[in-house]
């Protein structure tokens, strides 16, 4: 029984370590291009707007990869800068909870004693 709990908690700790921060940085990438399906616009329309794009045609998947504007990239950098402290706190809290639960499962009396000692 103890081995199963240990493996479960260690697995959660490894999987959840910095999940939120990594996800933020993956989802908000200033250098990622924006996808527009070919059914929504044409090359001619993009050229008229002066947009930097790359046409993509792979059989049944046709569209355009459009470079983000300077303003869009700046917004992404700002979101990363403002969001990273929050996600780091979430990641740290997850680690503390998992380690605390692991300690409690393995030594409930010692964990309670440690919590009382820290609170007084």
C-alpha atoms as a PDB file:
ATOM      1  CA  UNK A   1       0.000   0.000   0.000  1.00  0.00           C
ATOM      2  CA  UNK A   2       2.756   2.455   0.945  1.00  0.00           C
ATOM      3  CA  UNK A   3       4.600   1.768  -2.292  1.00  0.00           C
ATOM      4  CA  UNK A   4       1.509   2.631  -4.342  1.00  0.00           C
ATOM      5  CA  UNK A   5       1.014   5.927  -2.482  1.00  0.00           C
ATOM      6  CA  UNK A   6       4.687   6.822  -2.835  1.00  0.00           C
ATOM      7  CA  UNK A   7       4.688   6.099  -6.555  1.00  0.00           C
ATOM      8  CA  UNK A   8       1.460   8.083  -7.034  1.00  0.00           C
ATOM      9  CA  UNK A   9       2.674  11.162  -5.152  1.00  0.00           C
ATOM     10  CA  UNK A  10       6.090  11.124  -6.771  1.00  0.00           C
ATOM     11  CA  UNK A  11       4.409  10.761 -10.169  1.00  0.00           C
ATOM     12  CA  UNK A  12       2.162  13.759  -9.480  1.00  0.00           C
ATOM     13  CA  UNK A  13       5.147  15.775  -8.290  1.00  0.00           C
ATOM     14  CA  UNK A  14       7.116  15.032 -11.431  1.00  0.00           C
ATOM     15  CA  UNK A  15       4.169  15.637 -13.775  1.00  0.00           C
ATOM     16  CA  UNK A  16       2.974  18.867 -12.134  1.00  0.00           C
ATOM     17  CA  UNK A  17       6.372  20.425 -11.629  1.00  0.00           C
ATOM     18  CA  UNK A  18       6.165  23.771 -13.430  1.00  0.00           C
ATOM     19  CA  UNK A  19       3.139  22.792 -15.527  1.00  0.00           C
ATOM     20  CA  UNK A  20       1.494  26.209 -15.433  1.00  0.00           C
ATOM     21  CA  UNK A  21       4.622  28.193 -16.289  1.00  0.00           C
ATOM     22  CA  UNK A  22       5.573  25.936 -19.186  1.00  0.00           C
ATOM     23  CA  UNK A  23       2.015  26.051 -20.499  1.00  0.00           C
ATOM     24  CA  UNK A  24       1.952  29.861 -20.339  1.00  0.00           C
ATOM     25  CA  UNK A  25       5.187  30.134 -22.286  1.00  0.00           C
ATOM     26  CA  UNK A  26       4.012  27.609 -24.892  1.00  0.00           C
ATOM     27  CA  UNK A  27       0.580  29.210 -25.370  1.00  0.00           C
ATOM     28  CA  UNK A  28       1.840  32.789 -25.524  1.00  0.00           C
ATOM     29  CA  UNK A  29       4.711  32.698 -27.988  1.00  0.00           C
ATOM     30  CA  UNK A  30       5.548  36.083 -29.513  1.00  0.00           C
ATOM     31  CA  UNK A  31       7.348  34.415 -32.422  1.00  0.00           C
ATOM     32  CA  UNK A  32       4.590  31.984 -33.348  1.00  0.00           C
ATOM     33  CA  UNK A  33       2.763  32.739 -36.559  1.00  0.00           C
ATOM     34  CA  UNK A  34      -1.022  33.062 -36.791  1.00  0.00           C
ATOM     35  CA  UNK A  35      -2.896  30.501 -38.910  1.00  0.00           C
ATOM     36  CA  UNK A  36      -5.639  31.656 -41.285  1.00  0.00           C
ATOM     37  CA  UNK A  37      -7.498  29.080 -43.347  1.00  0.00           C
ATOM     38  CA  UNK A  38      -7.458  29.656 -47.114  1.00  0.00           C
ATOM     39  CA  UNK A  39     -11.264  29.707 -47.143  1.00  0.00           C
ATOM     40  CA  UNK A  40     -11.229  32.897 -45.059  1.00  0.00           C
ATOM     41  CA  UNK A  41      -8.884  35.031 -47.175  1.00  0.00           C
ATOM     42  CA  UNK A  42      -6.750  35.108 -50.304  1.00  0.00           C
ATOM     43  CA  UNK A  43      -3.119  35.834 -51.076  1.00  0.00           C
ATOM     44  CA  UNK A  44      -4.204  38.943 -52.948  1.00  0.00           C
ATOM     45  CA  UNK A  45      -6.075  40.305 -49.916  1.00  0.00           C
ATOM     46  CA  UNK A  46      -3.073  39.676 -47.668  1.00  0.00           C
ATOM     47  CA  UNK A  47      -0.726  41.399 -50.119  1.00  0.00           C
ATOM     48  CA  UNK A  48      -3.044  44.432 -50.320  1.00  0.00           C
ATOM     49  CA  UNK A  49      -2.929  44.721 -46.527  1.00  0.00           C
ATOM     50  CA  UNK A  50       0.870  44.497 -46.568  1.00  0.00           C
ATOM     51  CA  UNK A  51       0.904  41.479 -44.291  1.00  0.00           C
ATOM     52  CA  UNK A  52       4.004  39.280 -44.037  1.00  0.00           C
ATOM     53  CA  UNK A  53       2.740  35.761 -44.694  1.00  0.00           C
ATOM     54  CA  UNK A  54       3.727  32.327 -45.892  1.00  0.00           C
ATOM     55  CA  UNK A  55       1.343  30.214 -47.986  1.00  0.00           C
ATOM     56  CA  UNK A  56       0.832  26.622 -46.831  1.00  0.00           C
ATOM     57  CA  UNK A  57      -0.664  23.927 -49.052  1.00  0.00           C
ATOM     58  CA  UNK A  58      -0.592  20.298 -48.008  1.00  0.00           C
ATOM     59  CA  UNK A  59      -3.312  18.437 -49.834  1.00  0.00           C
ATOM     60  CA  UNK A  60      -6.525  19.089 -47.927  1.00  0.00           C
ATOM     61  CA  UNK A  61      -4.965  21.694 -45.617  1.00  0.00           C
ATOM     62  CA  UNK A  62      -4.520  25.101 -47.222  1.00  0.00           C
ATOM     63  CA  UNK A  63      -3.927  28.378 -45.492  1.00  0.00           C
ATOM     64  CA  UNK A  64      -1.525  31.124 -44.530  1.00  0.00           C
ATOM     65  CA  UNK A  65       0.920  31.569 -41.697  1.00  0.00           C
ATOM     66  CA  UNK A  66       0.958  35.246 -40.830  1.00  0.00           C
ATOM     67  CA  UNK A  67       3.723  36.942 -38.884  1.00  0.00           C
ATOM     68  CA  UNK A  68       2.459  38.771 -35.783  1.00  0.00           C
ATOM     69  CA  UNK A  69       2.620  42.539 -35.753  1.00  0.00           C
ATOM     70  CA  UNK A  70       4.956  44.364 -33.399  1.00  0.00           C
ATOM     71  CA  UNK A  71       1.973  45.279 -31.206  1.00  0.00           C
ATOM     72  CA  UNK A  72       0.820  41.657 -30.980  1.00  0.00           C
ATOM     73  CA  UNK A  73       4.326  40.494 -30.061  1.00  0.00           C
ATOM     74  CA  UNK A  74       4.551  43.223 -27.420  1.00  0.00           C
ATOM     75  CA  UNK A  75       1.239  42.052 -25.908  1.00  0.00           C
ATOM     76  CA  UNK A  76       2.565  38.488 -25.767  1.00  0.00           C
ATOM     77  CA  UNK A  77       5.724  39.627 -23.986  1.00  0.00           C
ATOM     78  CA  UNK A  78       3.641  41.634 -21.510  1.00  0.00           C
ATOM     79  CA  UNK A  79       1.348  38.676 -20.814  1.00  0.00           C
ATOM     80  CA  UNK A  80       4.377  36.484 -20.196  1.00  0.00           C
ATOM     81  CA  UNK A  81       5.942  39.064 -17.877  1.00  0.00           C
ATOM     82  CA  UNK A  82       2.745  39.555 -15.886  1.00  0.00           C
ATOM     83  CA  UNK A  83       1.676  35.897 -15.894  1.00  0.00           C
ATOM     84  CA  UNK A  84       4.960  34.226 -15.019  1.00  0.00           C
ATOM     85  CA  UNK A  85       5.022  35.241 -11.323  1.00  0.00           C
ATOM     86  CA  UNK A  86       1.463  33.937 -10.923  1.00  0.00           C
ATOM     87  CA  UNK A  87       2.219  30.633 -12.625  1.00  0.00           C
ATOM     88  CA  UNK A  88       5.431  30.205 -10.647  1.00  0.00           C
ATOM     89  CA  UNK A  89       3.443  30.639  -7.430  1.00  0.00           C
ATOM     90  CA  UNK A  90       0.907  28.039  -8.627  1.00  0.00           C
ATOM     91  CA  UNK A  91       3.681  25.624  -9.503  1.00  0.00           C
ATOM     92  CA  UNK A  92       5.350  26.119  -6.115  1.00  0.00           C
ATOM     93  CA  UNK A  93       2.040  25.651  -4.287  1.00  0.00           C
ATOM     94  CA  UNK A  94       1.411  22.419  -6.169  1.00  0.00           C
ATOM     95  CA  UNK A  95       4.833  21.142  -5.200  1.00  0.00           C
ATOM     96  CA  UNK A  96       4.315  22.072  -1.548  1.00  0.00           C
ATOM     97  CA  UNK A  97       0.928  20.314  -1.445  1.00  0.00           C
ATOM     98  CA  UNK A  98       2.249  17.171  -3.089  1.00  0.00           C
ATOM     99  CA  UNK A  99       5.330  16.993  -0.867  1.00  0.00           C
ATOM    100  CA  UNK A 100       3.196  17.710   2.220  1.00  0.00           C
ATOM    101  CA  UNK A 101       0.729  14.976   1.314  1.00  0.00           C
ATOM    102  CA  UNK A 102       3.602  12.581   0.640  1.00  0.00           C
ATOM    103  CA  UNK A 103       5.110  13.382   4.051  1.00  0.00           C
ATOM    104  CA  UNK A 104       1.734  12.997   5.765  1.00  0.00           C
ATOM    105  CA  UNK A 105       1.071   9.589   4.193  1.00  0.00           C
ATOM    106  CA  UNK A 106       4.499   8.307   5.207  1.00  0.00           C
ATOM    107  CA  UNK A 107       4.692   9.856   8.685  1.00  0.00           C
ATOM    108  CA  UNK A 108       1.401  11.420   9.876  1.00  0.00           C
ATOM    109  CA  UNK A 109       2.598  12.020  13.450  1.00  0.00           C
ATOM    110  CA  UNK A 110       5.852  13.636  12.356  1.00  0.00           C
ATOM    111  CA  UNK A 111       4.042  15.825   9.840  1.00  0.00           C
ATOM    112  CA  UNK A 112       1.513  17.036  12.422  1.00  0.00           C
ATOM    113  CA  UNK A 113       4.352  17.739  14.872  1.00  0.00           C
ATOM    114  CA  UNK A 114       6.241  19.698  12.174  1.00  0.00           C
ATOM    115  CA  UNK A 115       3.157  21.767  11.289  1.00  0.00           C
ATOM    116  CA  UNK A 116       2.547  22.573  14.972  1.00  0.00           C
ATOM    117  CA  UNK A 117       6.188  23.524  15.440  1.00  0.00           C
ATOM    118  CA  UNK A 118       6.120  25.831  12.421  1.00  0.00           C
ATOM    119  CA  UNK A 119       2.865  27.498  13.485  1.00  0.00           C
ATOM    120  CA  UNK A 120       4.000  28.344  17.004  1.00  0.00           C
END
